[in-house]
Amino acid sequence: MTQITIEILQKLCSDLDSIKITQHTFVRFQERGILIRDVINTINTGEIIEYYPDDYPYPSCLVLGLSVENDYLHVCCGIGNDKIWIITAYYPAEDKWENDFKTRKVMS
């Protein structure tokens, strides 16, 4: 399987038919005030900060980027069947992430 790169994610996001979001994920977006355009903007401005190669059914990754309002946003997504599968998105919490929002804080 090909390694996930930000360029591959960005290419898939350029075709709205390639973006797959479950109903559960969509409900979470509504609860968190996240729009699809925020997710696309995050991927287009972002970088992959974590890889999850053993995720099922497809390998996935965590992207840090910016929402359309320039707020930091994390998007977890995978690639399968030539589609980008959006697993979740959330605004990173300062109590769980270092100031760069790339590094998880060590919980004691």
PDB file of N, CA and C in Angstrom:
ATOM      1  N   MET A   1       0.841  -1.194   0.000  1.00  0.00           N
ATOM      2  CA  MET A   1       0.000   0.000   0.000  1.00  0.00           C
ATOM      3  C   MET A   1       0.876   1.245   0.000  1.00  0.00           C
ATOM      4  N   THR A   2       0.446   2.256  -0.716  1.00  0.00           N
ATOM      5  CA  THR A   2       1.180   3.507  -0.815  1.00  0.00           C
ATOM      6  C   THR A   2       1.084   4.286   0.494  1.00  0.00           C
ATOM      7  N   GLN A   3       2.200   4.870   0.891  1.00  0.00           N
ATOM      8  CA  GLN A   3       2.227   5.721   2.082  1.00  0.00           C
ATOM      9  C   GLN A   3       1.307   6.921   1.865  1.00  0.00           C
ATOM     10  N   ILE A   4       0.535   7.262   2.876  1.00  0.00           N
ATOM     11  CA  ILE A   4      -0.316   8.452   2.802  1.00  0.00           C
ATOM     12  C   ILE A   4       0.577   9.683   2.845  1.00  0.00           C
ATOM     13  N   THR A   5       0.345  10.600   1.923  1.00  0.00           N
ATOM     14  CA  THR A   5       1.049  11.887   1.931  1.00  0.00           C
ATOM     15  C   THR A   5       0.011  13.005   1.921  1.00  0.00           C
ATOM     16  N   ILE A   6       0.430  14.177   2.341  1.00  0.00           N
ATOM     17  CA  ILE A   6      -0.485  15.324   2.332  1.00  0.00           C
ATOM     18  C   ILE A   6      -0.891  15.652   0.896  1.00  0.00           C
ATOM     19  N   GLU A   7       0.004  15.425  -0.058  1.00  0.00           N
ATOM     20  CA  GLU A   7      -0.312  15.713  -1.461  1.00  0.00           C
ATOM     21  C   GLU A   7      -1.425  14.799  -1.968  1.00  0.00           C
ATOM     22  N   ILE A   8      -1.383  13.529  -1.578  1.00  0.00           N
ATOM     23  CA  ILE A   8      -2.452  12.602  -1.976  1.00  0.00           C
ATOM     24  C   ILE A   8      -3.776  13.037  -1.349  1.00  0.00           C
ATOM     25  N   LEU A   9      -3.752  13.399  -0.067  1.00  0.00           N
ATOM     26  CA  LEU A   9      -4.971  13.861   0.599  1.00  0.00           C
ATOM     27  C   LEU A   9      -5.530  15.102  -0.082  1.00  0.00           C
ATOM     28  N   GLN A  10      -4.652  16.036  -0.419  1.00  0.00           N
ATOM     29  CA  GLN A  10      -5.090  17.272  -1.063  1.00  0.00           C
ATOM     30  C   GLN A  10      -5.701  16.997  -2.433  1.00  0.00           C
ATOM     31  N   LYS A  11      -5.094  16.078  -3.167  1.00  0.00           N
ATOM     32  CA  LYS A  11      -5.641  15.733  -4.491  1.00  0.00           C
ATOM     33  C   LYS A  11      -7.038  15.136  -4.341  1.00  0.00           C
ATOM     34  N   LEU A  12      -7.194  14.219  -3.396  1.00  0.00           N
ATOM     35  CA  LEU A  12      -8.513  13.610  -3.190  1.00  0.00           C
ATOM     36  C   LEU A  12      -9.543  14.654  -2.752  1.00  0.00           C
ATOM     37  N   CYS A  13      -9.134  15.622  -1.951  1.00  0.00           N
ATOM     38  CA  CYS A  13     -10.069  16.665  -1.489  1.00  0.00           C
ATOM     39  C   CYS A  13     -10.490  17.615  -2.603  1.00  0.00           C
ATOM     40  N   SER A  14      -9.741  17.636  -3.686  1.00  0.00           N
ATOM     41  CA  SER A  14     -10.101  18.534  -4.782  1.00  0.00           C
ATOM     42  C   SER A  14     -11.325  18.031  -5.556  1.00  0.00           C
ATOM     43  N   ASP A  15     -11.707  16.778  -5.328  1.00  0.00           N
ATOM     44  CA  ASP A  15     -12.890  16.190  -5.964  1.00  0.00           C
ATOM     45  C   ASP A  15     -13.886  15.831  -4.856  1.00  0.00           C
ATOM     46  N   LEU A  16     -14.939  16.603  -4.729  1.00  0.00           N
ATOM     47  CA  LEU A  16     -15.899  16.392  -3.634  1.00  0.00           C
ATOM     48  C   LEU A  16     -16.483  14.985  -3.637  1.00  0.00           C
ATOM     49  N   ASP A  17     -16.557  14.350  -4.795  1.00  0.00           N
ATOM     50  CA  ASP A  17     -17.077  12.981  -4.858  1.00  0.00           C
ATOM     51  C   ASP A  17     -16.130  11.972  -4.219  1.00  0.00           C
ATOM     52  N   SER A  18     -14.883  12.373  -3.998  1.00  0.00           N
ATOM     53  CA  SER A  18     -13.896  11.484  -3.376  1.00  0.00           C
ATOM     54  C   SER A  18     -13.905  11.561  -1.854  1.00  0.00           C
ATOM     55  N   ILE A  19     -14.658  12.513  -1.288  1.00  0.00           N
ATOM     56  CA  ILE A  19     -14.693  12.707   0.160  1.00  0.00           C
ATOM     57  C   ILE A  19     -15.861  11.924   0.737  1.00  0.00           C
ATOM     58  N   LYS A  20     -15.573  11.033   1.676  1.00  0.00           N
ATOM     59  CA  LYS A  20     -16.604  10.214   2.310  1.00  0.00           C
ATOM     60  C   LYS A  20     -16.666  10.540   3.800  1.00  0.00           C
ATOM     61  N   ILE A  21     -17.867  10.839   4.265  1.00  0.00           N
ATOM     62  CA  ILE A  21     -18.104  11.177   5.671  1.00  0.00           C
ATOM     63  C   ILE A  21     -19.314  10.388   6.138  1.00  0.00           C
ATOM     64  N   THR A  22     -19.161   9.652   7.224  1.00  0.00           N
ATOM     65  CA  THR A  22     -20.293   8.884   7.752  1.00  0.00           C
ATOM     66  C   THR A  22     -21.293   9.816   8.424  1.00  0.00           C
ATOM     67  N   GLN A  23     -22.485   9.325   8.613  1.00  0.00           N
ATOM     68  CA  GLN A  23     -23.516  10.094   9.309  1.00  0.00           C
ATOM     69  C   GLN A  23     -23.064  10.423  10.731  1.00  0.00           C
ATOM     70  N   HIS A  24     -22.432   9.453  11.400  1.00  0.00           N
ATOM     71  CA  HIS A  24     -21.936   9.672  12.765  1.00  0.00           C
ATOM     72  C   HIS A  24     -20.926  10.827  12.793  1.00  0.00           C
ATOM     73  N   THR A  25     -19.992  10.822  11.838  1.00  0.00           N
ATOM     74  CA  THR A  25     -18.992  11.884  11.770  1.00  0.00           C
ATOM     75  C   THR A  25     -19.651  13.221  11.489  1.00  0.00           C
ATOM     76  N   PHE A  26     -20.615  13.227  10.596  1.00  0.00           N
ATOM     77  CA  PHE A  26     -21.320  14.464  10.263  1.00  0.00           C
ATOM     78  C   PHE A  26     -22.026  15.047  11.492  1.00  0.00           C
ATOM     79  N   VAL A  27     -22.642  14.190  12.292  1.00  0.00           N
ATOM     80  CA  VAL A  27     -23.302  14.645  13.529  1.00  0.00           C
ATOM     81  C   VAL A  27     -22.279  15.263  14.465  1.00  0.00           C
ATOM     82  N   ARG A  28     -21.111  14.635  14.600  1.00  0.00           N
ATOM     83  CA  ARG A  28     -20.049  15.184  15.464  1.00  0.00           C
ATOM     84  C   ARG A  28     -19.600  16.551  14.959  1.00  0.00           C
ATOM     85  N   PHE A  29     -19.491  16.702  13.638  1.00  0.00           N
ATOM     86  CA  PHE A  29     -19.126  17.999  13.068  1.00  0.00           C
ATOM     87  C   PHE A  29     -20.126  19.065  13.487  1.00  0.00           C
ATOM     88  N   GLN A  30     -21.413  18.733  13.407  1.00  0.00           N
ATOM     89  CA  GLN A  30     -22.449  19.688  13.791  1.00  0.00           C
ATOM     90  C   GLN A  30     -22.317  20.065  15.262  1.00  0.00           C
ATOM     91  N   GLU A  31     -22.070  19.079  16.113  1.00  0.00           N
ATOM     92  CA  GLU A  31     -21.909  19.340  17.549  1.00  0.00           C
ATOM     93  C   GLU A  31     -20.711  20.239  17.826  1.00  0.00           C
ATOM     94  N   ARG A  32     -19.673  20.116  17.016  1.00  0.00           N
ATOM     95  CA  ARG A  32     -18.424  20.863  17.241  1.00  0.00           C
ATOM     96  C   ARG A  32     -18.337  22.142  16.418  1.00  0.00           C
ATOM     97  N   GLY A  33     -19.344  22.420  15.608  1.00  0.00           N
ATOM     98  CA  GLY A  33     -19.324  23.622  14.786  1.00  0.00           C
ATOM     99  C   GLY A  33     -18.309  23.562  13.662  1.00  0.00           C
ATOM    100  N   ILE A  34     -18.072  22.363  13.137  1.00  0.00           N
ATOM    101  CA  ILE A  34     -17.098  22.172  12.065  1.00  0.00           C
ATOM    102  C   ILE A  34     -17.847  21.962  10.752  1.00  0.00           C
ATOM    103  N   LEU A  35     -17.415  22.675   9.730  1.00  0.00           N
ATOM    104  CA  LEU A  35     -18.015  22.566   8.408  1.00  0.00           C
ATOM    105  C   LEU A  35     -17.113  21.740   7.495  1.00  0.00           C
ATOM    106  N   ILE A  36     -17.695  21.193   6.439  1.00  0.00           N
ATOM    107  CA  ILE A  36     -16.908  20.425   5.476  1.00  0.00           C
ATOM    108  C   ILE A  36     -15.797  21.292   4.901  1.00  0.00           C
ATOM    109  N   ARG A  37     -16.086  22.547   4.657  1.00  0.00           N
ATOM    110  CA  ARG A  37     -15.047  23.436   4.111  1.00  0.00           C
ATOM    111  C   ARG A  37     -13.906  23.634   5.101  1.00  0.00           C
ATOM    112  N   ASP A  38     -14.190  23.526   6.416  1.00  0.00           N
ATOM    113  CA  ASP A  38     -13.117  23.573   7.411  1.00  0.00           C
ATOM    114  C   ASP A  38     -12.194  22.369   7.264  1.00  0.00           C
ATOM    115  N   VAL A  39     -12.800  21.211   7.049  1.00  0.00           N
ATOM    116  CA  VAL A  39     -12.028  19.974   6.885  1.00  0.00           C
ATOM    117  C   VAL A  39     -11.158  20.069   5.634  1.00  0.00           C
ATOM    118  N   ILE A  40     -11.737  20.506   4.535  1.00  0.00           N
ATOM    119  CA  ILE A  40     -10.985  20.632   3.279  1.00  0.00           C
ATOM    120  C   ILE A  40      -9.873  21.659   3.442  1.00  0.00           C
ATOM    121  N   ASN A  41     -10.167  22.786   4.077  1.00  0.00           N
ATOM    122  CA  ASN A  41      -9.148  23.820   4.272  1.00  0.00           C
ATOM    123  C   ASN A  41      -8.011  23.308   5.159  1.00  0.00           C
ATOM    124  N   THR A  42      -8.368  22.531   6.175  1.00  0.00           N
ATOM    125  CA  THR A  42      -7.348  21.957   7.057  1.00  0.00           C
ATOM    126  C   THR A  42      -6.401  21.069   6.271  1.00  0.00           C
ATOM    127  N   ILE A  43      -6.945  20.226   5.426  1.00  0.00           N
ATOM    128  CA  ILE A  43      -6.094  19.342   4.628  1.00  0.00           C
ATOM    129  C   ILE A  43      -5.276  20.144   3.622  1.00  0.00           C
ATOM    130  N   ASN A  44      -5.874  21.168   3.025  1.00  0.00           N
ATOM    131  CA  ASN A  44      -5.154  21.968   2.032  1.00  0.00           C
ATOM    132  C   ASN A  44      -4.067  22.842   2.643  1.00  0.00           C
ATOM    133  N   THR A  45      -4.175  23.195   3.916  1.00  0.00           N
ATOM    134  CA  THR A  45      -3.172  24.041   4.570  1.00  0.00           C
ATOM    135  C   THR A  45      -2.286  23.253   5.520  1.00  0.00           C
ATOM    136  N   GLY A  46      -2.572  21.963   5.654  1.00  0.00           N
ATOM    137  CA  GLY A  46      -2.001  21.218   6.763  1.00  0.00           C
ATOM    138  C   GLY A  46      -0.805  20.351   6.475  1.00  0.00           C
ATOM    139  N   GLU A  47      -0.473  19.614   7.525  1.00  0.00           N
ATOM    140  CA  GLU A  47       0.598  18.642   7.467  1.00  0.00           C
ATOM    141  C   GLU A  47       0.193  17.427   8.290  1.00  0.00           C
ATOM    142  N   ILE A  48       0.687  16.281   7.887  1.00  0.00           N
ATOM    143  CA  ILE A  48       0.406  15.052   8.630  1.00  0.00           C
ATOM    144  C   ILE A  48       1.309  15.032   9.856  1.00  0.00           C
ATOM    145  N   ILE A  49       0.693  14.858  11.033  1.00  0.00           N
ATOM    146  CA  ILE A  49       1.487  14.852  12.264  1.00  0.00           C
ATOM    147  C   ILE A  49       1.555  13.482  12.927  1.00  0.00           C
ATOM    148  N   GLU A  50       0.668  12.576  12.551  1.00  0.00           N
ATOM    149  CA  GLU A  50       0.706  11.211  13.066  1.00  0.00           C
ATOM    150  C   GLU A  50       0.190  10.264  11.982  1.00  0.00           C
ATOM    151  N   TYR A  51       0.770   9.071  11.956  1.00  0.00           N
ATOM    152  CA  TYR A  51       0.321   8.019  11.038  1.00  0.00           C
ATOM    153  C   TYR A  51      -0.228   6.857  11.849  1.00  0.00           C
ATOM    154  N   TYR A  52      -1.284   6.230  11.338  1.00  0.00           N
ATOM    155  CA  TYR A  52      -1.882   5.047  11.955  1.00  0.00           C
ATOM    156  C   TYR A  52      -1.977   3.954  10.881  1.00  0.00           C
ATOM    157  N   PRO A  53      -0.839   3.336  10.542  1.00  0.00           N
ATOM    158  CA  PRO A  53      -0.821   2.386   9.418  1.00  0.00           C
ATOM    159  C   PRO A  53      -1.636   1.118   9.656  1.00  0.00           C
ATOM    160  N   ASP A  54      -1.928   0.795  10.904  1.00  0.00           N
ATOM    161  CA  ASP A  54      -2.652  -0.438  11.206  1.00  0.00           C
ATOM    162  C   ASP A  54      -4.151  -0.230  11.409  1.00  0.00           C
ATOM    163  N   ASP A  55      -4.643   0.995  11.174  1.00  0.00           N
ATOM    164  CA  ASP A  55      -6.079   1.241  11.333  1.00  0.00           C
ATOM    165  C   ASP A  55      -6.875   0.378  10.361  1.00  0.00           C
ATOM    166  N   TYR A  56      -8.093   0.053  10.778  1.00  0.00           N
ATOM    167  CA  TYR A  56      -8.986  -0.769   9.971  1.00  0.00           C
ATOM    168  C   TYR A  56     -10.252   0.032   9.676  1.00  0.00           C
ATOM    169  N   PRO A  57     -10.769   0.026   8.490  1.00  0.00           N
ATOM    170  CA  PRO A  57     -10.394  -0.833   7.367  1.00  0.00           C
ATOM    171  C   PRO A  57      -9.270  -0.267   6.489  1.00  0.00           C
ATOM    172  N   TYR A  58      -8.879   1.003   6.720  1.00  0.00           N
ATOM    173  CA  TYR A  58      -7.833   1.607   5.901  1.00  0.00           C
ATOM    174  C   TYR A  58      -6.811   2.291   6.798  1.00  0.00           C
ATOM    175  N   PRO A  59      -5.549   2.327   6.374  1.00  0.00           N
ATOM    176  CA  PRO A  59      -4.564   3.116   7.114  1.00  0.00           C
ATOM    177  C   PRO A  59      -5.036   4.568   7.173  1.00  0.00           C
ATOM    178  N   SER A  60      -4.699   5.246   8.260  1.00  0.00           N
ATOM    179  CA  SER A  60      -5.155   6.622   8.407  1.00  0.00           C
ATOM    180  C   SER A  60      -4.034   7.489   8.978  1.00  0.00           C
ATOM    181  N   CYS A  61      -4.359   8.765   9.143  1.00  0.00           N
ATOM    182  CA  CYS A  61      -3.377   9.715   9.662  1.00  0.00           C
ATOM    183  C   CYS A  61      -4.114  10.872  10.319  1.00  0.00           C
ATOM    184  N   LEU A  62      -3.357  11.680  11.051  1.00  0.00           N
ATOM    185  CA  LEU A  62      -3.885  12.883  11.694  1.00  0.00           C
ATOM    186  C   LEU A  62      -3.229  14.085  11.040  1.00  0.00           C
ATOM    187  N   VAL A  63      -4.057  15.004  10.571  1.00  0.00           N
ATOM    188  CA  VAL A  63      -3.584  16.213   9.900  1.00  0.00           C
ATOM    189  C   VAL A  63      -3.846  17.407  10.801  1.00  0.00           C
ATOM    190  N   LEU A  64      -2.846  18.274  10.927  1.00  0.00           N
ATOM    191  CA  LEU A  64      -3.013  19.561  11.597  1.00  0.00           C
ATOM    192  C   LEU A  64      -3.009  20.636  10.532  1.00  0.00           C
ATOM    193  N   GLY A  65      -4.040  21.465  10.546  1.00  0.00           N
ATOM    194  CA  GLY A  65      -4.124  22.571   9.601  1.00  0.00           C
ATOM    195  C   GLY A  65      -5.008  23.653  10.176  1.00  0.00           C
ATOM    196  N   LEU A  66      -5.519  24.496   9.310  1.00  0.00           N
ATOM    197  CA  LEU A  66      -6.322  25.640   9.730  1.00  0.00           C
ATOM    198  C   LEU A  66      -7.732  25.555   9.155  1.00  0.00           C
ATOM    199  N   SER A  67      -8.704  25.891   9.995  1.00  0.00           N
ATOM    200  CA  SER A  67     -10.084  26.018   9.524  1.00  0.00           C
ATOM    201  C   SER A  67     -10.191  27.266   8.651  1.00  0.00           C
ATOM    202  N   VAL A  68     -11.353  27.491   8.068  1.00  0.00           N
ATOM    203  CA  VAL A  68     -11.529  28.690   7.243  1.00  0.00           C
ATOM    204  C   VAL A  68     -11.429  29.967   8.079  1.00  0.00           C
ATOM    205  N   GLU A  69     -11.624  29.841   9.392  1.00  0.00           N
ATOM    206  CA  GLU A  69     -11.500  30.985  10.306  1.00  0.00           C
ATOM    207  C   GLU A  69     -10.102  31.083  10.909  1.00  0.00           C
ATOM    208  N   ASN A  70      -9.154  30.288  10.364  1.00  0.00           N
ATOM    209  CA  ASN A  70      -7.759  30.268  10.805  1.00  0.00           C
ATOM    210  C   ASN A  70      -7.574  29.758  12.222  1.00  0.00           C
ATOM    211  N   ASP A  71      -8.442  28.849  12.653  1.00  0.00           N
ATOM    212  CA  ASP A  71      -8.265  28.156  13.929  1.00  0.00           C
ATOM    213  C   ASP A  71      -7.597  26.819  13.640  1.00  0.00           C
ATOM    214  N   TYR A  72      -6.705  26.398  14.549  1.00  0.00           N
ATOM    215  CA  TYR A  72      -6.088  25.083  14.376  1.00  0.00           C
ATOM    216  C   TYR A  72      -7.151  24.002  14.465  1.00  0.00           C
ATOM    217  N   LEU A  73      -7.034  23.027  13.569  1.00  0.00           N
ATOM    218  CA  LEU A  73      -7.998  21.938  13.515  1.00  0.00           C
ATOM    219  C   LEU A  73      -7.249  20.642  13.219  1.00  0.00           C
ATOM    220  N   HIS A  74      -7.655  19.573  13.883  1.00  0.00           N
ATOM    221  CA  HIS A  74      -7.138  18.239  13.591  1.00  0.00           C
ATOM    222  C   HIS A  74      -8.183  17.493  12.782  1.00  0.00           C
ATOM    223  N   VAL A  75      -7.731  16.813  11.735  1.00  0.00           N
ATOM    224  CA  VAL A  75      -8.588  15.959  10.924  1.00  0.00           C
ATOM    225  C   VAL A  75      -7.931  14.593  10.859  1.00  0.00           C
ATOM    226  N   CYS A  76      -8.673  13.578  11.282  1.00  0.00           N
ATOM    227  CA  CYS A  76      -8.217  12.203  11.157  1.00  0.00           C
ATOM    228  C   CYS A  76      -8.916  11.618   9.940  1.00  0.00           C
ATOM    229  N   CYS A  77      -8.111  11.055   9.014  1.00  0.00           N
ATOM    230  CA  CYS A  77      -8.688  10.535   7.781  1.00  0.00           C
ATOM    231  C   CYS A  77      -7.872   9.362   7.267  1.00  0.00           C
ATOM    232  N   GLY A  78      -8.509   8.572   6.429  1.00  0.00           N
ATOM    233  CA  GLY A  78      -7.854   7.431   5.810  1.00  0.00           C
ATOM    234  C   GLY A  78      -8.112   7.436   4.321  1.00  0.00           C
ATOM    235  N   ILE A  79      -7.369   6.589   3.621  1.00  0.00           N
ATOM    236  CA  ILE A  79      -7.540   6.466   2.181  1.00  0.00           C
ATOM    237  C   ILE A  79      -7.851   5.017   1.853  1.00  0.00           C
ATOM    238  N   GLY A  80      -8.917   4.818   1.077  1.00  0.00           N
ATOM    239  CA  GLY A  80      -9.278   3.486   0.622  1.00  0.00           C
ATOM    240  C   GLY A  80     -10.191   3.573  -0.576  1.00  0.00           C
ATOM    241  N   ASN A  81     -10.010   2.678  -1.541  1.00  0.00           N
ATOM    242  CA  ASN A  81     -10.838   2.662  -2.754  1.00  0.00           C
ATOM    243  C   ASN A  81     -10.843   4.004  -3.475  1.00  0.00           C
ATOM    244  N   ASP A  82      -9.679   4.654  -3.517  1.00  0.00           N
ATOM    245  CA  ASP A  82      -9.521   5.953  -4.182  1.00  0.00           C
ATOM    246  C   ASP A  82     -10.432   7.029  -3.603  1.00  0.00           C
ATOM    247  N   LYS A  83     -10.728   6.918  -2.326  1.00  0.00           N
ATOM    248  CA  LYS A  83     -11.542   7.906  -1.608  1.00  0.00           C
ATOM    249  C   LYS A  83     -10.792   8.336  -0.352  1.00  0.00           C
ATOM    250  N   ILE A  84     -11.102   9.527   0.130  1.00  0.00           N
ATOM    251  CA  ILE A  84     -10.607   9.972   1.421  1.00  0.00           C
ATOM    252  C   ILE A  84     -11.764   9.829   2.409  1.00  0.00           C
ATOM    253  N   TRP A  85     -11.538   9.068   3.448  1.00  0.00           N
ATOM    254  CA  TRP A  85     -12.553   8.790   4.458  1.00  0.00           C
ATOM    255  C   TRP A  85     -12.267   9.659   5.671  1.00  0.00           C
ATOM    256  N   ILE A  86     -13.154  10.592   5.954  1.00  0.00           N
ATOM    257  CA  ILE A  86     -12.979  11.478   7.100  1.00  0.00           C
ATOM    258  C   ILE A  86     -13.507  10.747   8.330  1.00  0.00           C
ATOM    259  N   ILE A  87     -12.625  10.483   9.268  1.00  0.00           N
ATOM    260  CA  ILE A  87     -12.985   9.731  10.459  1.00  0.00           C
ATOM    261  C   ILE A  87     -13.512  10.659  11.541  1.00  0.00           C
ATOM    262  N   THR A  88     -12.791  11.739  11.766  1.00  0.00           N
ATOM    263  CA  THR A  88     -13.231  12.732  12.741  1.00  0.00           C
ATOM    264  C   THR A  88     -12.459  14.024  12.518  1.00  0.00           C
ATOM    265  N   ALA A  89     -12.934  15.078  13.133  1.00  0.00           N
ATOM    266  CA  ALA A  89     -12.225  16.360  13.149  1.00  0.00           C
ATOM    267  C   ALA A  89     -12.583  17.047  14.467  1.00  0.00           C
ATOM    268  N   TYR A  90     -11.612  17.758  15.005  1.00  0.00           N
ATOM    269  CA  TYR A  90     -11.836  18.438  16.277  1.00  0.00           C
ATOM    270  C   TYR A  90     -10.821  19.558  16.436  1.00  0.00           C
ATOM    271  N   TYR A  91     -11.197  20.535  17.259  1.00  0.00           N
ATOM    272  CA  TYR A  91     -10.269  21.592  17.631  1.00  0.00           C
ATOM    273  C   TYR A  91      -9.403  21.051  18.762  1.00  0.00           C
ATOM    274  N   PRO A  92      -8.076  21.024  18.585  1.00  0.00           N
ATOM    275  CA  PRO A  92      -7.225  20.416  19.604  1.00  0.00           C
ATOM    276  C   PRO A  92      -7.295  21.174  20.933  1.00  0.00           C
ATOM    277  N   ALA A  93      -7.401  20.419  22.016  1.00  0.00           N
ATOM    278  CA  ALA A  93      -7.503  20.986  23.353  1.00  0.00           C
ATOM    279  C   ALA A  93      -6.109  21.308  23.890  1.00  0.00           C
ATOM    280  N   GLU A  94      -5.966  22.491  24.457  1.00  0.00           N
ATOM    281  CA  GLU A  94      -4.673  22.927  24.978  1.00  0.00           C
ATOM    282  C   GLU A  94      -4.190  22.061  26.129  1.00  0.00           C
ATOM    283  N   ASP A  95      -5.098  21.391  26.832  1.00  0.00           N
ATOM    284  CA  ASP A  95      -4.662  20.539  27.938  1.00  0.00           C
ATOM    285  C   ASP A  95      -4.149  19.180  27.459  1.00  0.00           C
ATOM    286  N   LYS A  96      -4.353  18.864  26.176  1.00  0.00           N
ATOM    287  CA  LYS A  96      -3.903  17.575  25.641  1.00  0.00           C
ATOM    288  C   LYS A  96      -2.770  17.703  24.641  1.00  0.00           C
ATOM    289  N   TRP A  97      -2.544  18.914  24.132  1.00  0.00           N
ATOM    290  CA  TRP A  97      -1.539  19.141  23.096  1.00  0.00           C
ATOM    291  C   TRP A  97      -0.603  20.267  23.519  1.00  0.00           C
ATOM    292  N   GLU A  98       0.658  20.150  23.124  1.00  0.00           N
ATOM    293  CA  GLU A  98       1.624  21.221  23.340  1.00  0.00           C
ATOM    294  C   GLU A  98       1.202  22.427  22.498  1.00  0.00           C
ATOM    295  N   ASN A  99       1.875  23.553  22.693  1.00  0.00           N
ATOM    296  CA  ASN A  99       1.499  24.798  22.009  1.00  0.00           C
ATOM    297  C   ASN A  99       1.543  24.702  20.488  1.00  0.00           C
ATOM    298  N   ASP A 100       2.341  23.777  19.963  1.00  0.00           N
ATOM    299  CA  ASP A 100       2.406  23.624  18.506  1.00  0.00           C
ATOM    300  C   ASP A 100       1.249  22.798  17.944  1.00  0.00           C
ATOM    301  N   PHE A 101       0.445  22.200  18.822  1.00  0.00           N
ATOM    302  CA  PHE A 101      -0.687  21.330  18.472  1.00  0.00           C
ATOM    303  C   PHE A 101      -0.272  20.123  17.632  1.00  0.00           C
ATOM    304  N   LYS A 102       1.050  19.841  17.607  1.00  0.00           N
ATOM    305  CA  LYS A 102       1.576  18.672  16.903  1.00  0.00           C
ATOM    306  C   LYS A 102       2.008  17.583  17.874  1.00  0.00           C
ATOM    307  N   THR A 103       2.295  17.974  19.106  1.00  0.00           N
ATOM    308  CA  THR A 103       2.871  17.071  20.078  1.00  0.00           C
ATOM    309  C   THR A 103       1.883  16.857  21.213  1.00  0.00           C
ATOM    310  N   ARG A 104       1.582  15.588  21.479  1.00  0.00           N
ATOM    311  CA  ARG A 104       0.688  15.277  22.585  1.00  0.00           C
ATOM    312  C   ARG A 104       1.405  15.525  23.909  1.00  0.00           C
ATOM    313  N   LYS A 105       0.682  16.083  24.852  1.00  0.00           N
ATOM    314  CA  LYS A 105       1.251  16.252  26.191  1.00  0.00           C
ATOM    315  C   LYS A 105       1.309  14.895  26.888  1.00  0.00           C
ATOM    316  N   VAL A 106       2.337  14.717  27.653  1.00  0.00           N
ATOM    317  CA  VAL A 106       2.464  13.485  28.432  1.00  0.00           C
ATOM    318  C   VAL A 106       1.589  13.628  29.665  1.00  0.00           C
ATOM    319  N   MET A 107       0.652  12.717  29.803  1.00  0.00           N
ATOM    320  CA  MET A 107      -0.267  12.765  30.945  1.00  0.00           C
ATOM    321  C   MET A 107       0.328  11.962  32.084  1.00  0.00           C
ATOM    322  N   SER A 108       0.362  12.552  33.271  1.00  0.00           N
ATOM    323  CA  SER A 108       0.943  11.837  34.407  1.00  0.00           C
ATOM    324  C   SER A 108      -0.116  11.313  35.347  1.00  0.00           C
TER     325      SER A 108
END
